[in-house]
Amino acid sequence: MTAISRNNRWPVALAAVLIVYAAAAGALVMSLPVKDGARDWTAPLVPGGWMAWSFPTAIFFLTIFTLLALMAVWEYARPGGNPRIGILRFETTRGDRLFVSLLGAAFIHLAWLGLVGPNLWWALALSVVYAIGVFRYV
């Protein structure tokens, strides 16, 4: 198989990752317990289980897995994400930049919780801007 024919099929891999994410997220929503006629978004998904997997926790880990899968699709579509030296003056690869973005997003959210409060939508927006900056300049 040539590189040209392989790289033309990356949209199929991308669609597969996104469909699996949507299906898993939909399954999680459907498995939410109902309390007083409404879905309880923070209740354990497995009552009495050994770990209190709530919807936000499950979506968090599902999103991390999806980001890793999307990085694999990106490498499949455009192989050779060679290391580069950015503003931090050390070599980083795509995976390094993803890790730095996720670590920074964690600190942004923790700081937001401590300084502003529990409404994290602006922290999410700030984390996306931070990740774009990391992928562009680091």
C-alpha atoms as a PDB file:
ATOM      1  CA  MET A   1       0.000   0.000   0.000  1.00  0.00           C
ATOM      2  CA  THR A   2       1.429   3.355  -0.921  1.00  0.00           C
ATOM      3  CA  ALA A   3       1.584   6.357   1.354  1.00  0.00           C
ATOM      4  CA  ILE A   4      -0.767   8.281  -0.936  1.00  0.00           C
ATOM      5  CA  SER A   5      -3.576   5.718  -0.749  1.00  0.00           C
ATOM      6  CA  ARG A   6      -3.092   5.265   2.999  1.00  0.00           C
ATOM      7  CA  ASN A   7      -3.269   8.995   3.692  1.00  0.00           C
ATOM      8  CA  ASN A   8      -6.446   9.368   1.660  1.00  0.00           C
ATOM      9  CA  ARG A   9      -8.301   7.094   4.083  1.00  0.00           C
ATOM     10  CA  TRP A  10      -7.689   9.092   7.258  1.00  0.00           C
ATOM     11  CA  PRO A  11     -11.195  10.643   7.206  1.00  0.00           C
ATOM     12  CA  VAL A  12     -12.580   7.132   7.754  1.00  0.00           C
ATOM     13  CA  ALA A  13     -10.415   6.719  10.856  1.00  0.00           C
ATOM     14  CA  LEU A  14     -11.413  10.176  12.078  1.00  0.00           C
ATOM     15  CA  ALA A  15     -15.097   9.411  11.573  1.00  0.00           C
ATOM     16  CA  ALA A  16     -14.697   6.087  13.391  1.00  0.00           C
ATOM     17  CA  VAL A  17     -13.110   7.769  16.427  1.00  0.00           C
ATOM     18  CA  LEU A  18     -15.814  10.436  16.557  1.00  0.00           C
ATOM     19  CA  ILE A  19     -18.627   7.890  16.132  1.00  0.00           C
ATOM     20  CA  VAL A  20     -17.228   5.722  18.931  1.00  0.00           C
ATOM     21  CA  TYR A  21     -16.950   8.811  21.172  1.00  0.00           C
ATOM     22  CA  ALA A  22     -20.523   9.864  20.403  1.00  0.00           C
ATOM     23  CA  ALA A  23     -21.838   6.334  20.969  1.00  0.00           C
ATOM     24  CA  ALA A  24     -19.980   5.955  24.271  1.00  0.00           C
ATOM     25  CA  ALA A  25     -21.114   9.397  25.470  1.00  0.00           C
ATOM     26  CA  GLY A  26     -24.693   8.548  24.466  1.00  0.00           C
ATOM     27  CA  ALA A  27     -24.495   5.245  26.322  1.00  0.00           C
ATOM     28  CA  LEU A  28     -23.243   7.086  29.401  1.00  0.00           C
ATOM     29  CA  VAL A  29     -26.117   9.569  29.205  1.00  0.00           C
ATOM     30  CA  MET A  30     -28.621   6.749  28.847  1.00  0.00           C
ATOM     31  CA  SER A  31     -27.143   4.946  31.861  1.00  0.00           C
ATOM     32  CA  LEU A  32     -27.554   7.946  34.147  1.00  0.00           C
ATOM     33  CA  PRO A  33     -29.844   7.234  37.077  1.00  0.00           C
ATOM     34  CA  VAL A  34     -33.128   9.103  37.169  1.00  0.00           C
ATOM     35  CA  LYS A  35     -34.050  10.854  40.412  1.00  0.00           C
ATOM     36  CA  ASP A  36     -37.400  12.620  40.814  1.00  0.00           C
ATOM     37  CA  GLY A  37     -38.044  12.408  37.056  1.00  0.00           C
ATOM     38  CA  ALA A  38     -34.731  14.024  36.041  1.00  0.00           C
ATOM     39  CA  ARG A  39     -31.312  12.608  35.262  1.00  0.00           C
ATOM     40  CA  ASP A  40     -28.929  12.809  38.205  1.00  0.00           C
ATOM     41  CA  TRP A  41     -25.710  13.974  36.526  1.00  0.00           C
ATOM     42  CA  THR A  42     -23.482  13.462  39.566  1.00  0.00           C
ATOM     43  CA  ALA A  43     -24.854  10.167  40.911  1.00  0.00           C
ATOM     44  CA  PRO A  44     -22.707   7.021  40.686  1.00  0.00           C
ATOM     45  CA  LEU A  45     -23.240   5.178  37.409  1.00  0.00           C
ATOM     46  CA  VAL A  46     -22.820   1.834  39.192  1.00  0.00           C
ATOM     47  CA  PRO A  47     -24.599   2.017  42.556  1.00  0.00           C
ATOM     48  CA  GLY A  48     -22.650   0.092  45.173  1.00  0.00           C
ATOM     49  CA  GLY A  49     -19.675  -0.333  42.857  1.00  0.00           C
ATOM     50  CA  TRP A  50     -16.103  -0.373  44.093  1.00  0.00           C
ATOM     51  CA  MET A  51     -15.510   3.086  42.619  1.00  0.00           C
ATOM     52  CA  ALA A  52     -17.931   5.993  42.354  1.00  0.00           C
ATOM     53  CA  TRP A  53     -17.862   6.527  38.595  1.00  0.00           C
ATOM     54  CA  SER A  54     -19.992   9.583  37.995  1.00  0.00           C
ATOM     55  CA  PHE A  55     -20.928  10.957  34.584  1.00  0.00           C
ATOM     56  CA  PRO A  56     -18.399  13.831  34.693  1.00  0.00           C
ATOM     57  CA  THR A  57     -15.602  11.423  35.667  1.00  0.00           C
ATOM     58  CA  ALA A  58     -16.490   8.962  32.916  1.00  0.00           C
ATOM     59  CA  ILE A  59     -16.713  11.727  30.288  1.00  0.00           C
ATOM     60  CA  PHE A  60     -13.347  13.095  31.434  1.00  0.00           C
ATOM     61  CA  PHE A  61     -11.582   9.767  30.908  1.00  0.00           C
ATOM     62  CA  LEU A  62     -13.490   9.097  27.679  1.00  0.00           C
ATOM     63  CA  THR A  63     -12.336  12.488  26.371  1.00  0.00           C
ATOM     64  CA  ILE A  64      -8.693  11.768  27.293  1.00  0.00           C
ATOM     65  CA  PHE A  65      -8.912   8.436  25.449  1.00  0.00           C
ATOM     66  CA  THR A  66     -10.492  10.178  22.453  1.00  0.00           C
ATOM     67  CA  LEU A  67      -7.747  12.809  22.388  1.00  0.00           C
ATOM     68  CA  LEU A  68      -5.135  10.046  22.277  1.00  0.00           C
ATOM     69  CA  ALA A  69      -7.047   8.320  19.476  1.00  0.00           C
ATOM     70  CA  LEU A  70      -7.291  11.614  17.564  1.00  0.00           C
ATOM     71  CA  MET A  71      -3.528  12.048  17.947  1.00  0.00           C
ATOM     72  CA  ALA A  72      -3.111   8.597  16.389  1.00  0.00           C
ATOM     73  CA  VAL A  73      -5.378   9.596  13.488  1.00  0.00           C
ATOM     74  CA  TRP A  74      -3.353  12.807  13.062  1.00  0.00           C
ATOM     75  CA  GLU A  75      -0.131  10.766  12.898  1.00  0.00           C
ATOM     76  CA  TYR A  76      -1.801   8.426  10.407  1.00  0.00           C
ATOM     77  CA  ALA A  77      -2.930  11.343   8.234  1.00  0.00           C
ATOM     78  CA  ARG A  78       0.319  13.319   8.465  1.00  0.00           C
ATOM     79  CA  PRO A  79       3.125  11.032   9.589  1.00  0.00           C
ATOM     80  CA  GLY A  80       6.349  12.353  10.951  1.00  0.00           C
ATOM     81  CA  GLY A  81       5.425  14.825  13.638  1.00  0.00           C
ATOM     82  CA  ASN A  82       9.109  15.539  14.099  1.00  0.00           C
ATOM     83  CA  PRO A  83      10.302  17.141  17.313  1.00  0.00           C
ATOM     84  CA  ARG A  84      10.701  20.891  17.208  1.00  0.00           C
ATOM     85  CA  ILE A  85      12.098  23.547  19.486  1.00  0.00           C
ATOM     86  CA  GLY A  86       9.604  26.179  20.564  1.00  0.00           C
ATOM     87  CA  ILE A  87       9.585  29.081  22.989  1.00  0.00           C
ATOM     88  CA  LEU A  88      10.478  26.849  25.946  1.00  0.00           C
ATOM     89  CA  ARG A  89      13.751  25.979  24.187  1.00  0.00           C
ATOM     90  CA  PHE A  90      13.490  22.190  24.383  1.00  0.00           C
ATOM     91  CA  GLU A  91      12.350  19.602  21.848  1.00  0.00           C
ATOM     92  CA  THR A  92       8.698  18.637  21.917  1.00  0.00           C
ATOM     93  CA  THR A  93       6.643  16.239  19.821  1.00  0.00           C
ATOM     94  CA  ARG A  94       2.881  16.282  19.254  1.00  0.00           C
ATOM     95  CA  GLY A  95       2.415  13.947  22.198  1.00  0.00           C
ATOM     96  CA  ASP A  96       4.558  16.154  24.446  1.00  0.00           C
ATOM     97  CA  ARG A  97       2.495  19.180  23.502  1.00  0.00           C
ATOM     98  CA  LEU A  98      -0.731  17.260  24.234  1.00  0.00           C
ATOM     99  CA  PHE A  99       0.614  16.301  27.652  1.00  0.00           C
ATOM    100  CA  VAL A 100       1.672  19.898  28.420  1.00  0.00           C
ATOM    101  CA  SER A 101      -1.775  21.089  27.282  1.00  0.00           C
ATOM    102  CA  LEU A 102      -3.601  18.599  29.511  1.00  0.00           C
ATOM    103  CA  LEU A 103      -1.370  19.356  32.484  1.00  0.00           C
ATOM    104  CA  GLY A 104      -1.872  23.097  32.006  1.00  0.00           C
ATOM    105  CA  ALA A 105      -5.627  22.615  31.672  1.00  0.00           C
ATOM    106  CA  ALA A 106      -5.652  20.736  34.979  1.00  0.00           C
ATOM    107  CA  PHE A 107      -3.869  23.609  36.715  1.00  0.00           C
ATOM    108  CA  ILE A 108      -6.113  26.195  35.059  1.00  0.00           C
ATOM    109  CA  HIS A 109      -9.210  24.348  36.294  1.00  0.00           C
ATOM    110  CA  LEU A 110      -7.830  23.908  39.805  1.00  0.00           C
ATOM    111  CA  ALA A 111      -6.891  27.592  40.014  1.00  0.00           C
ATOM    112  CA  TRP A 112     -10.331  28.548  38.687  1.00  0.00           C
ATOM    113  CA  LEU A 113     -12.036  26.389  41.307  1.00  0.00           C
ATOM    114  CA  GLY A 114      -9.953  27.936  44.076  1.00  0.00           C
ATOM    115  CA  LEU A 115     -10.143  31.559  42.948  1.00  0.00           C
ATOM    116  CA  VAL A 116     -13.465  31.956  41.119  1.00  0.00           C
ATOM    117  CA  GLY A 117     -15.808  29.093  41.922  1.00  0.00           C
ATOM    118  CA  PRO A 118     -17.450  25.994  40.505  1.00  0.00           C
ATOM    119  CA  ASN A 119     -18.639  27.433  37.159  1.00  0.00           C
ATOM    120  CA  LEU A 120     -15.903  25.964  34.949  1.00  0.00           C
ATOM    121  CA  TRP A 121     -17.068  26.955  31.461  1.00  0.00           C
ATOM    122  CA  TRP A 122     -14.710  29.937  31.296  1.00  0.00           C
ATOM    123  CA  ALA A 123     -11.884  27.758  32.607  1.00  0.00           C
ATOM    124  CA  LEU A 124     -12.613  25.317  29.785  1.00  0.00           C
ATOM    125  CA  ALA A 125     -12.484  28.140  27.231  1.00  0.00           C
ATOM    126  CA  LEU A 126      -9.210  29.395  28.715  1.00  0.00           C
ATOM    127  CA  SER A 127      -7.808  25.847  28.601  1.00  0.00           C
ATOM    128  CA  VAL A 128      -8.682  25.530  24.890  1.00  0.00           C
ATOM    129  CA  VAL A 129      -6.936  28.837  24.147  1.00  0.00           C
ATOM    130  CA  TYR A 130      -3.949  27.643  26.202  1.00  0.00           C
ATOM    131  CA  ALA A 131      -3.834  24.334  24.275  1.00  0.00           C
ATOM    132  CA  ILE A 132      -3.922  26.156  20.936  1.00  0.00           C
ATOM    133  CA  GLY A 133      -1.034  28.301  22.126  1.00  0.00           C
ATOM    134  CA  VAL A 134       0.930  25.268  23.269  1.00  0.00           C
ATOM    135  CA  PHE A 135       0.458  23.442  19.974  1.00  0.00           C
ATOM    136  CA  ARG A 136       1.387  26.564  18.030  1.00  0.00           C
ATOM    137  CA  TYR A 137       4.370  27.930  19.966  1.00  0.00           C
ATOM    138  CA  VAL A 138       5.839  25.216  22.222  1.00  0.00           C
END
